[in-house]
Amino acid sequence: YEPLLGEISIPVRLIWGREDRILPPQYAEWLHERIP
């Protein structure tokens, strides 16, 4: 589904813990780039 992320049209909110050691902040940035 990765190629389809940019096609999401519904409202989307991303929330991320700055100190996340499981999925560090770069994963939030990766997702934000694909759902602008």
PDB file of all heavy atoms in Angstrom:
ATOM      1  N   TYR A   1       0.810  -1.224   0.000  1.00  0.00           N
ATOM      2  CA  TYR A   1       0.000   0.000   0.000  1.00  0.00           C
ATOM      3  C   TYR A   1       0.846   1.279   0.000  1.00  0.00           C
ATOM      4  O   TYR A   1       0.293   2.377  -0.114  1.00  0.00           O
ATOM      5  CB  TYR A   1      -0.978   0.020   1.181  1.00  0.00           C
ATOM      6  CG  TYR A   1      -0.371   0.064   2.561  1.00  0.00           C
ATOM      7  CD1 TYR A   1       0.347   1.173   3.016  1.00  0.00           C
ATOM      8  CD2 TYR A   1      -0.546  -0.994   3.454  1.00  0.00           C
ATOM      9  CE1 TYR A   1       0.893   1.216   4.288  1.00  0.00           C
ATOM     10  CE2 TYR A   1      -0.009  -0.950   4.729  1.00  0.00           C
ATOM     11  CZ  TYR A   1       0.706   0.156   5.139  1.00  0.00           C
ATOM     12  OH  TYR A   1       1.241   0.202   6.403  1.00  0.00           O
ATOM     13  N   GLU A   2       2.152   1.171   0.129  1.00  0.00           N
ATOM     14  CA  GLU A   2       3.001   2.376   0.187  1.00  0.00           C
ATOM     15  C   GLU A   2       2.767   3.337  -0.985  1.00  0.00           C
ATOM     16  O   GLU A   2       2.655   4.553  -0.775  1.00  0.00           O
ATOM     17  CB  GLU A   2       4.481   1.996   0.274  1.00  0.00           C
ATOM     18  CG  GLU A   2       4.917   1.573   1.657  1.00  0.00           C
ATOM     19  CD  GLU A   2       6.418   1.318   1.731  1.00  0.00           C
ATOM     20  OE1 GLU A   2       7.165   1.887   0.895  1.00  0.00           O
ATOM     21  OE2 GLU A   2       6.846   0.566   2.612  1.00  0.00           O
ATOM     22  N   PRO A   3       2.657   2.836  -2.235  1.00  0.00           N
ATOM     23  CA  PRO A   3       2.430   3.770  -3.345  1.00  0.00           C
ATOM     24  C   PRO A   3       1.083   4.494  -3.266  1.00  0.00           C
ATOM     25  O   PRO A   3       0.878   5.483  -3.985  1.00  0.00           O
ATOM     26  CB  PRO A   3       2.485   2.861  -4.584  1.00  0.00           C
ATOM     27  CG  PRO A   3       3.214   1.640  -4.146  1.00  0.00           C
ATOM     28  CD  PRO A   3       2.849   1.459  -2.711  1.00  0.00           C
ATOM     29  N   LEU A   4       0.173   4.012  -2.418  1.00  0.00           N
ATOM     30  CA  LEU A   4      -1.165   4.587  -2.320  1.00  0.00           C
ATOM     31  C   LEU A   4      -1.292   5.627  -1.214  1.00  0.00           C
ATOM     32  O   LEU A   4      -2.331   6.286  -1.103  1.00  0.00           O
ATOM     33  CB  LEU A   4      -2.195   3.469  -2.075  1.00  0.00           C
ATOM     34  CG  LEU A   4      -2.198   2.319  -3.089  1.00  0.00           C
ATOM     35  CD1 LEU A   4      -3.197   1.245  -2.661  1.00  0.00           C
ATOM     36  CD2 LEU A   4      -2.523   2.832  -4.486  1.00  0.00           C
ATOM     37  N   LEU A   5      -0.253   5.786  -0.395  1.00  0.00           N
ATOM     38  CA  LEU A   5      -0.349   6.700   0.742  1.00  0.00           C
ATOM     39  C   LEU A   5      -0.661   8.130   0.294  1.00  0.00           C
ATOM     40  O   LEU A   5      -1.431   8.842   0.948  1.00  0.00           O
ATOM     41  CB  LEU A   5       0.957   6.682   1.552  1.00  0.00           C
ATOM     42  CG  LEU A   5       1.232   5.401   2.339  1.00  0.00           C
ATOM     43  CD1 LEU A   5       2.654   5.416   2.910  1.00  0.00           C
ATOM     44  CD2 LEU A   5       0.213   5.211   3.466  1.00  0.00           C
ATOM     45  N   GLY A   6      -0.094   8.546  -0.815  1.00  0.00           N
ATOM     46  CA  GLY A   6      -0.325   9.897  -1.308  1.00  0.00           C
ATOM     47  C   GLY A   6      -1.734  10.128  -1.818  1.00  0.00           C
ATOM     48  O   GLY A   6      -2.126  11.277  -2.063  1.00  0.00           O
ATOM     49  N   GLU A   7      -2.498   9.040  -1.989  1.00  0.00           N
ATOM     50  CA  GLU A   7      -3.869   9.154  -2.477  1.00  0.00           C
ATOM     51  C   GLU A   7      -4.888   9.290  -1.361  1.00  0.00           C
ATOM     52  O   GLU A   7      -6.080   9.480  -1.617  1.00  0.00           O
ATOM     53  CB  GLU A   7      -4.216   7.939  -3.347  1.00  0.00           C
ATOM     54  CG  GLU A   7      -3.323   7.800  -4.579  1.00  0.00           C
ATOM     55  CD  GLU A   7      -3.656   6.572  -5.399  1.00  0.00           C
ATOM     56  OE1 GLU A   7      -4.731   5.960  -5.163  1.00  0.00           O
ATOM     57  OE2 GLU A   7      -2.852   6.212  -6.273  1.00  0.00           O
ATOM     58  N   ILE A   8      -4.444   9.184  -0.117  1.00  0.00           N
ATOM     59  CA  ILE A   8      -5.380   9.326   1.003  1.00  0.00           C
ATOM     60  C   ILE A   8      -5.938  10.740   1.007  1.00  0.00           C
ATOM     61  O   ILE A   8      -5.191  11.722   1.024  1.00  0.00           O
ATOM     62  CB  ILE A   8      -4.677   9.015   2.340  1.00  0.00           C
ATOM     63  CG1 ILE A   8      -4.224   7.550   2.383  1.00  0.00           C
ATOM     64  CG2 ILE A   8      -5.601   9.319   3.517  1.00  0.00           C
ATOM     65  CD1 ILE A   8      -3.416   7.191   3.620  1.00  0.00           C
ATOM     66  N   SER A   9      -7.249  10.842   0.999  1.00  0.00           N
ATOM     67  CA  SER A   9      -7.882  12.166   0.930  1.00  0.00           C
ATOM     68  C   SER A   9      -8.584  12.566   2.215  1.00  0.00           C
ATOM     69  O   SER A   9      -8.919  13.735   2.393  1.00  0.00           O
ATOM     70  CB  SER A   9      -8.876  12.213  -0.232  1.00  0.00           C
ATOM     71  OG  SER A   9      -9.876  11.221  -0.073  1.00  0.00           O
ATOM     72  N   ILE A  10      -8.813  11.603   3.123  1.00  0.00           N
ATOM     73  CA  ILE A  10      -9.488  11.934   4.377  1.00  0.00           C
ATOM     74  C   ILE A  10      -8.530  12.715   5.283  1.00  0.00           C
ATOM     75  O   ILE A  10      -7.305  12.680   5.089  1.00  0.00           O
ATOM     76  CB  ILE A  10      -9.978  10.664   5.107  1.00  0.00           C
ATOM     77  CG1 ILE A  10      -8.790   9.738   5.441  1.00  0.00           C
ATOM     78  CG2 ILE A  10     -11.034   9.923   4.294  1.00  0.00           C
ATOM     79  CD1 ILE A  10      -9.164   8.575   6.346  1.00  0.00           C
ATOM     80  N   PRO A  11      -9.048  13.427   6.266  1.00  0.00           N
ATOM     81  CA  PRO A  11      -8.163  14.109   7.220  1.00  0.00           C
ATOM     82  C   PRO A  11      -7.276  13.116   7.968  1.00  0.00           C
ATOM     83  O   PRO A  11      -7.752  12.061   8.412  1.00  0.00           O
ATOM     84  CB  PRO A  11      -9.145  14.793   8.172  1.00  0.00           C
ATOM     85  CG  PRO A  11     -10.409  14.933   7.389  1.00  0.00           C
ATOM     86  CD  PRO A  11     -10.471  13.729   6.509  1.00  0.00           C
ATOM     87  N   VAL A  12      -5.998  13.433   8.095  1.00  0.00           N
ATOM     88  CA  VAL A  12      -5.025  12.570   8.774  1.00  0.00           C
ATOM     89  C   VAL A  12      -4.225  13.402   9.764  1.00  0.00           C
ATOM     90  O   VAL A  12      -3.761  14.499   9.441  1.00  0.00           O
ATOM     91  CB  VAL A  12      -4.065  11.890   7.774  1.00  0.00           C
ATOM     92  CG1 VAL A  12      -3.029  11.043   8.519  1.00  0.00           C
ATOM     93  CG2 VAL A  12      -4.830  11.036   6.768  1.00  0.00           C
ATOM     94  N   ARG A  13      -4.067  12.856  10.962  1.00  0.00           N
ATOM     95  CA  ARG A  13      -3.266  13.508  12.007  1.00  0.00           C
ATOM     96  C   ARG A  13      -2.190  12.530  12.455  1.00  0.00           C
ATOM     97  O   ARG A  13      -2.459  11.352  12.698  1.00  0.00           O
ATOM     98  CB  ARG A  13      -4.177  13.888  13.172  1.00  0.00           C
ATOM     99  CG  ARG A  13      -3.481  14.411  14.414  1.00  0.00           C
ATOM    100  CD  ARG A  13      -4.517  14.914  15.416  1.00  0.00           C
ATOM    101  NE  ARG A  13      -5.593  13.952  15.624  1.00  0.00           N
ATOM    102  CZ  ARG A  13      -6.790  14.257  16.164  1.00  0.00           C
ATOM    103  NH1 ARG A  13      -7.039  15.506  16.527  1.00  0.00           N
ATOM    104  NH2 ARG A  13      -7.715  13.331  16.335  1.00  0.00           N
ATOM    105  N   LEU A  14      -0.960  13.002  12.560  1.00  0.00           N
ATOM    106  CA  LEU A  14       0.173  12.212  13.037  1.00  0.00           C
ATOM    107  C   LEU A  14       0.638  12.791  14.366  1.00  0.00           C
ATOM    108  O   LEU A  14       0.802  14.003  14.497  1.00  0.00           O
ATOM    109  CB  LEU A  14       1.324  12.235  12.027  1.00  0.00           C
ATOM    110  CG  LEU A  14       0.979  11.919  10.563  1.00  0.00           C
ATOM    111  CD1 LEU A  14       2.229  12.060   9.698  1.00  0.00           C
ATOM    112  CD2 LEU A  14       0.380  10.533  10.438  1.00  0.00           C
ATOM    113  N   ILE A  15       0.857  11.924  15.352  1.00  0.00           N
ATOM    114  CA  ILE A  15       1.338  12.333  16.671  1.00  0.00           C
ATOM    115  C   ILE A  15       2.515  11.425  17.011  1.00  0.00           C
ATOM    116  O   ILE A  15       2.422  10.207  16.830  1.00  0.00           O
ATOM    117  CB  ILE A  15       0.231  12.198  17.745  1.00  0.00           C
ATOM    118  CG1 ILE A  15      -1.088  12.829  17.263  1.00  0.00           C
ATOM    119  CG2 ILE A  15       0.669  12.825  19.060  1.00  0.00           C
ATOM    120  CD1 ILE A  15      -2.277  12.486  18.156  1.00  0.00           C
ATOM    121  N   TRP A  16       3.612  11.995  17.516  1.00  0.00           N
ATOM    122  CA  TRP A  16       4.808  11.168  17.738  1.00  0.00           C
ATOM    123  C   TRP A  16       5.554  11.599  18.993  1.00  0.00           C
ATOM    124  O   TRP A  16       5.770  12.798  19.225  1.00  0.00           O
ATOM    125  CB  TRP A  16       5.756  11.279  16.557  1.00  0.00           C
ATOM    126  CG  TRP A  16       6.265   9.953  16.075  1.00  0.00           C
ATOM    127  CD1 TRP A  16       7.411   9.317  16.469  1.00  0.00           C
ATOM    128  CD2 TRP A  16       5.642   9.104  15.108  1.00  0.00           C
ATOM    129  NE1 TRP A  16       7.545   8.123  15.807  1.00  0.00           N
ATOM    130  CE2 TRP A  16       6.473   7.962  14.964  1.00  0.00           C
ATOM    131  CE3 TRP A  16       4.467   9.187  14.347  1.00  0.00           C
ATOM    132  CZ2 TRP A  16       6.166   6.928  14.079  1.00  0.00           C
ATOM    133  CZ3 TRP A  16       4.157   8.154  13.482  1.00  0.00           C
ATOM    134  CH2 TRP A  16       4.995   7.045  13.355  1.00  0.00           C
ATOM    135  N   GLY A  17       5.977  10.613  19.782  1.00  0.00           N
ATOM    136  CA  GLY A  17       6.830  10.881  20.931  1.00  0.00           C
ATOM    137  C   GLY A  17       8.257  11.170  20.485  1.00  0.00           C
ATOM    138  O   GLY A  17       8.846  10.381  19.735  1.00  0.00           O
ATOM    139  N   ARG A  18       8.816  12.273  20.941  1.00  0.00           N
ATOM    140  CA  ARG A  18      10.184  12.647  20.548  1.00  0.00           C
ATOM    141  C   ARG A  18      11.212  11.604  20.984  1.00  0.00           C
ATOM    142  O   ARG A  18      12.276  11.465  20.376  1.00  0.00           O
ATOM    143  CB  ARG A  18      10.546  13.993  21.187  1.00  0.00           C
ATOM    144  CG  ARG A  18       9.835  15.192  20.604  1.00  0.00           C
ATOM    145  CD  ARG A  18      10.569  15.753  19.424  1.00  0.00           C
ATOM    146  NE  ARG A  18      10.059  17.071  19.067  1.00  0.00           N
ATOM    147  CZ  ARG A  18      10.361  17.692  17.937  1.00  0.00           C
ATOM    148  NH1 ARG A  18      11.167  17.109  17.063  1.00  0.00           N
ATOM    149  NH2 ARG A  18       9.865  18.887  17.675  1.00  0.00           N
ATOM    150  N   GLU A  19      10.897  10.877  22.083  1.00  0.00           N
ATOM    151  CA  GLU A  19      11.859   9.925  22.644  1.00  0.00           C
ATOM    152  C   GLU A  19      11.526   8.479  22.280  1.00  0.00           C
ATOM    153  O   GLU A  19      11.964   7.550  22.957  1.00  0.00           O
ATOM    154  CB  GLU A  19      11.898  10.071  24.177  1.00  0.00           C
ATOM    155  CG  GLU A  19      12.112  11.485  24.676  1.00  0.00           C
ATOM    156  CD  GLU A  19      13.392  12.102  24.175  1.00  0.00           C
ATOM    157  OE1 GLU A  19      14.374  11.359  24.001  1.00  0.00           O
ATOM    158  OE2 GLU A  19      13.410  13.337  23.941  1.00  0.00           O
ATOM    159  N   ASP A  20      10.765   8.282  21.224  1.00  0.00           N
ATOM    160  CA  ASP A  20      10.394   6.930  20.797  1.00  0.00           C
ATOM    161  C   ASP A  20      11.649   6.173  20.361  1.00  0.00           C
ATOM    162  O   ASP A  20      12.320   6.568  19.409  1.00  0.00           O
ATOM    163  CB  ASP A  20       9.384   7.010  19.649  1.00  0.00           C
ATOM    164  CG  ASP A  20       8.757   5.663  19.307  1.00  0.00           C
ATOM    165  OD1 ASP A  20       9.365   4.621  19.599  1.00  0.00           O
ATOM    166  OD2 ASP A  20       7.645   5.663  18.741  1.00  0.00           O
ATOM    167  N   ARG A  21      11.953   5.066  21.046  1.00  0.00           N
ATOM    168  CA  ARG A  21      13.103   4.235  20.685  1.00  0.00           C
ATOM    169  C   ARG A  21      12.694   3.062  19.787  1.00  0.00           C
ATOM    170  O   ARG A  21      13.559   2.421  19.195  1.00  0.00           O
ATOM    171  CB  ARG A  21      13.785   3.704  21.953  1.00  0.00           C
ATOM    172  CG  ARG A  21      14.437   4.784  22.803  1.00  0.00           C
ATOM    173  CD  ARG A  21      15.197   4.188  23.984  1.00  0.00           C
ATOM    174  NE  ARG A  21      14.311   3.599  24.964  1.00  0.00           N
ATOM    175  CZ  ARG A  21      13.872   4.220  26.059  1.00  0.00           C
ATOM    176  NH1 ARG A  21      14.230   5.476  26.297  1.00  0.00           N
ATOM    177  NH2 ARG A  21      13.080   3.604  26.924  1.00  0.00           N
ATOM    178  N   ILE A  22      11.408   2.749  19.740  1.00  0.00           N
ATOM    179  CA  ILE A  22      10.922   1.655  18.898  1.00  0.00           C
ATOM    180  C   ILE A  22      10.804   2.130  17.447  1.00  0.00           C
ATOM    181  O   ILE A  22      11.294   1.488  16.523  1.00  0.00           O
ATOM    182  CB  ILE A  22       9.555   1.142  19.402  1.00  0.00           C
ATOM    183  CG1 ILE A  22       9.624   0.763  20.888  1.00  0.00           C
ATOM    184  CG2 ILE A  22       9.093  -0.043  18.556  1.00  0.00           C
ATOM    185  CD1 ILE A  22      10.509  -0.399  21.220  1.00  0.00           C
ATOM    186  N   LEU A  23      10.123   3.251  17.263  1.00  0.00           N
ATOM    187  CA  LEU A  23       9.969   3.884  15.951  1.00  0.00           C
ATOM    188  C   LEU A  23      10.400   5.344  16.097  1.00  0.00           C
ATOM    189  O   LEU A  23       9.565   6.215  16.351  1.00  0.00           O
ATOM    190  CB  LEU A  23       8.520   3.787  15.462  1.00  0.00           C
ATOM    191  CG  LEU A  23       8.016   2.381  15.106  1.00  0.00           C
ATOM    192  CD1 LEU A  23       6.505   2.394  14.947  1.00  0.00           C
ATOM    193  CD2 LEU A  23       8.691   1.863  13.837  1.00  0.00           C
ATOM    194  N   PRO A  24      11.675   5.612  15.987  1.00  0.00           N
ATOM    195  CA  PRO A  24      12.197   6.975  16.209  1.00  0.00           C
ATOM    196  C   PRO A  24      11.555   8.012  15.278  1.00  0.00           C
ATOM    197  O   PRO A  24      10.878   7.664  14.303  1.00  0.00           O
ATOM    198  CB  PRO A  24      13.697   6.817  15.945  1.00  0.00           C
ATOM    199  CG  PRO A  24      13.977   5.375  16.195  1.00  0.00           C
ATOM    200  CD  PRO A  24      12.760   4.645  15.729  1.00  0.00           C
ATOM    201  N   PRO A  25      11.760   9.302  15.572  1.00  0.00           N
ATOM    202  CA  PRO A  25      11.076  10.374  14.844  1.00  0.00           C
ATOM    203  C   PRO A  25      11.202  10.339  13.323  1.00  0.00           C
ATOM    204  O   PRO A  25      10.322  10.842  12.628  1.00  0.00           O
ATOM    205  CB  PRO A  25      11.722  11.638  15.425  1.00  0.00           C
ATOM    206  CG  PRO A  25      12.036  11.264  16.836  1.00  0.00           C
ATOM    207  CD  PRO A  25      12.493   9.835  16.751  1.00  0.00           C
ATOM    208  N   GLN A  26      12.265   9.745  12.785  1.00  0.00           N
ATOM    209  CA  GLN A  26      12.386   9.724  11.326  1.00  0.00           C
ATOM    210  C   GLN A  26      11.246   8.952  10.666  1.00  0.00           C
ATOM    211  O   GLN A  26      10.920   9.182   9.496  1.00  0.00           O
ATOM    212  CB  GLN A  26      13.730   9.158  10.875  1.00  0.00           C
ATOM    213  CG  GLN A  26      14.034   7.737  11.283  1.00  0.00           C
ATOM    214  CD  GLN A  26      14.926   7.677  12.519  1.00  0.00           C
ATOM    215  OE1 GLN A  26      14.837   8.547  13.398  1.00  0.00           O
ATOM    216  NE2 GLN A  26      15.788   6.679  12.567  1.00  0.00           N
ATOM    217  N   TYR A  27      10.614   8.029  11.426  1.00  0.00           N
ATOM    218  CA  TYR A  27       9.473   7.294  10.864  1.00  0.00           C
ATOM    219  C   TYR A  27       8.259   8.204  10.729  1.00  0.00           C
ATOM    220  O   TYR A  27       7.450   8.038   9.812  1.00  0.00           O
ATOM    221  CB  TYR A  27       9.158   6.065  11.722  1.00  0.00           C
ATOM    222  CG  TYR A  27      10.198   4.981  11.564  1.00  0.00           C
ATOM    223  CD1 TYR A  27      11.317   4.931  12.389  1.00  0.00           C
ATOM    224  CD2 TYR A  27      10.090   4.029  10.560  1.00  0.00           C
ATOM    225  CE1 TYR A  27      12.293   3.961  12.226  1.00  0.00           C
ATOM    226  CE2 TYR A  27      11.055   3.051  10.385  1.00  0.00           C
ATOM    227  CZ  TYR A  27      12.162   3.016  11.225  1.00  0.00           C
ATOM    228  OH  TYR A  27      13.130   2.059  11.045  1.00  0.00           O
ATOM    229  N   ALA A  28       8.095   9.142  11.650  1.00  0.00           N
ATOM    230  CA  ALA A  28       7.028  10.137  11.514  1.00  0.00           C
ATOM    231  C   ALA A  28       7.282  11.019  10.299  1.00  0.00           C
ATOM    232  O   ALA A  28       6.353  11.333   9.527  1.00  0.00           O
ATOM    233  CB  ALA A  28       6.948  10.990  12.774  1.00  0.00           C
ATOM    234  N   GLU A  29       8.535  11.415  10.112  1.00  0.00           N
ATOM    235  CA  GLU A  29       8.872  12.281   8.986  1.00  0.00           C
ATOM    236  C   GLU A  29       8.681  11.554   7.662  1.00  0.00           C
ATOM    237  O   GLU A  29       8.201  12.133   6.674  1.00  0.00           O
ATOM    238  CB  GLU A  29      10.311  12.773   9.149  1.00  0.00           C
ATOM    239  CG  GLU A  29      10.473  13.698  10.354  1.00  0.00           C
ATOM    240  CD  GLU A  29      11.910  13.837  10.825  1.00  0.00           C
ATOM    241  OE1 GLU A  29      12.792  13.131  10.261  1.00  0.00           O
ATOM    242  OE2 GLU A  29      12.155  14.632  11.757  1.00  0.00           O
ATOM    243  N   TRP A  30       9.036  10.265   7.620  1.00  0.00           N
ATOM    244  CA  TRP A  30       8.833   9.441   6.420  1.00  0.00           C
ATOM    245  C   TRP A  30       7.357   9.430   6.048  1.00  0.00           C
ATOM    246  O   TRP A  30       6.984   9.618   4.879  1.00  0.00           O
ATOM    247  CB  TRP A  30       9.330   8.017   6.693  1.00  0.00           C
ATOM    248  CG  TRP A  30       9.235   7.072   5.525  1.00  0.00           C
ATOM    249  CD1 TRP A  30      10.227   6.763   4.641  1.00  0.00           C
ATOM    250  CD2 TRP A  30       8.094   6.301   5.122  1.00  0.00           C
ATOM    251  NE1 TRP A  30       9.776   5.860   3.711  1.00  0.00           N
ATOM    252  CE2 TRP A  30       8.474   5.554   3.987  1.00  0.00           C
ATOM    253  CE3 TRP A  30       6.798   6.153   5.614  1.00  0.00           C
ATOM    254  CZ2 TRP A  30       7.597   4.683   3.323  1.00  0.00           C
ATOM    255  CZ3 TRP A  30       5.915   5.292   4.960  1.00  0.00           C
ATOM    256  CH2 TRP A  30       6.316   4.570   3.829  1.00  0.00           C
ATOM    257  N   LEU A  31       6.498   9.224   7.035  1.00  0.00           N
ATOM    258  CA  LEU A  31       5.061   9.145   6.781  1.00  0.00           C
ATOM    259  C   LEU A  31       4.500  10.498   6.376  1.00  0.00           C
ATOM    260  O   LEU A  31       3.672  10.595   5.462  1.00  0.00           O
ATOM    261  CB  LEU A  31       4.358   8.612   8.030  1.00  0.00           C
ATOM    262  CG  LEU A  31       2.851   8.354   7.931  1.00  0.00           C
ATOM    263  CD1 LEU A  31       2.523   7.408   6.780  1.00  0.00           C
ATOM    264  CD2 LEU A  31       2.334   7.778   9.249  1.00  0.00           C
ATOM    265  N   HIS A  32       4.971  11.549   7.041  1.00  0.00           N
ATOM    266  CA  HIS A  32       4.479  12.889   6.740  1.00  0.00           C
ATOM    267  C   HIS A  32       4.828  13.297   5.308  1.00  0.00           C
ATOM    268  O   HIS A  32       4.041  13.994   4.633  1.00  0.00           O
ATOM    269  CB  HIS A  32       5.066  13.890   7.730  1.00  0.00           C
ATOM    270  CG  HIS A  32       4.396  15.224   7.725  1.00  0.00           C
ATOM    271  ND1 HIS A  32       5.078  16.393   7.921  1.00  0.00           N
ATOM    272  CD2 HIS A  32       3.099  15.572   7.527  1.00  0.00           C
ATOM    273  CE1 HIS A  32       4.235  17.414   7.858  1.00  0.00           C
ATOM    274  NE2 HIS A  32       3.034  16.946   7.623  1.00  0.00           N
ATOM    275  N   GLU A  33       5.976  12.874   4.830  1.00  0.00           N
ATOM    276  CA  GLU A  33       6.365  13.181   3.447  1.00  0.00           C
ATOM    277  C   GLU A  33       5.425  12.525   2.446  1.00  0.00           C
ATOM    278  O   GLU A  33       5.216  13.055   1.346  1.00  0.00           O
ATOM    279  CB  GLU A  33       7.799  12.689   3.190  1.00  0.00           C
ATOM    280  CG  GLU A  33       8.866  13.510   3.890  1.00  0.00           C
ATOM    281  CD  GLU A  33      10.242  12.871   3.754  1.00  0.00           C
ATOM    282  OE1 GLU A  33      10.348  11.803   3.106  1.00  0.00           O
ATOM    283  OE2 GLU A  33      11.206  13.434   4.303  1.00  0.00           O
ATOM    284  N   ARG A  34       4.835  11.401   2.823  1.00  0.00           N
ATOM    285  CA  ARG A  34       3.993  10.647   1.890  1.00  0.00           C
ATOM    286  C   ARG A  34       2.510  10.976   2.034  1.00  0.00           C
ATOM    287  O   ARG A  34       1.725  10.647   1.145  1.00  0.00           O
ATOM    288  CB  ARG A  34       4.258   9.145   2.079  1.00  0.00           C
ATOM    289  CG  ARG A  34       5.592   8.749   1.461  1.00  0.00           C
ATOM    290  CD  ARG A  34       6.207   7.517   2.076  1.00  0.00           C
ATOM    291  NE  ARG A  34       7.490   7.231   1.404  1.00  0.00           N
ATOM    292  CZ  ARG A  34       8.632   7.867   1.692  1.00  0.00           C
ATOM    293  NH1 ARG A  34       8.658   8.808   2.631  1.00  0.00           N
ATOM    294  NH2 ARG A  34       9.750   7.560   1.047  1.00  0.00           N
ATOM    295  N   ILE A  35       2.124  11.583   3.148  1.00  0.00           N
ATOM    296  CA  ILE A  35       0.755  12.091   3.306  1.00  0.00           C
ATOM    297  C   ILE A  35       0.895  13.572   3.628  1.00  0.00           C
ATOM    298  O   ILE A  35       0.745  14.000   4.776  1.00  0.00           O
ATOM    299  CB  ILE A  35      -0.015  11.342   4.418  1.00  0.00           C
ATOM    300  CG1 ILE A  35       0.128   9.827   4.273  1.00  0.00           C
ATOM    301  CG2 ILE A  35      -1.502  11.722   4.383  1.00  0.00           C
ATOM    302  CD1 ILE A  35      -0.561   9.042   5.375  1.00  0.00           C
ATOM    303  N   PRO A  36       1.215  14.391   2.649  1.00  0.00           N
ATOM    304  CA  PRO A  36       1.618  15.781   2.917  1.00  0.00           C
ATOM    305  C   PRO A  36       0.539  16.636   3.555  1.00  0.00           C
ATOM    306  O   PRO A  36       0.855  17.629   4.216  1.00  0.00           O
ATOM    307  CB  PRO A  36       2.018  16.320   1.542  1.00  0.00           C
ATOM    308  CG  PRO A  36       1.604  15.311   0.545  1.00  0.00           C
ATOM    309  CD  PRO A  36       1.351  14.031   1.236  1.00  0.00           C
TER     310      PRO A  36
END
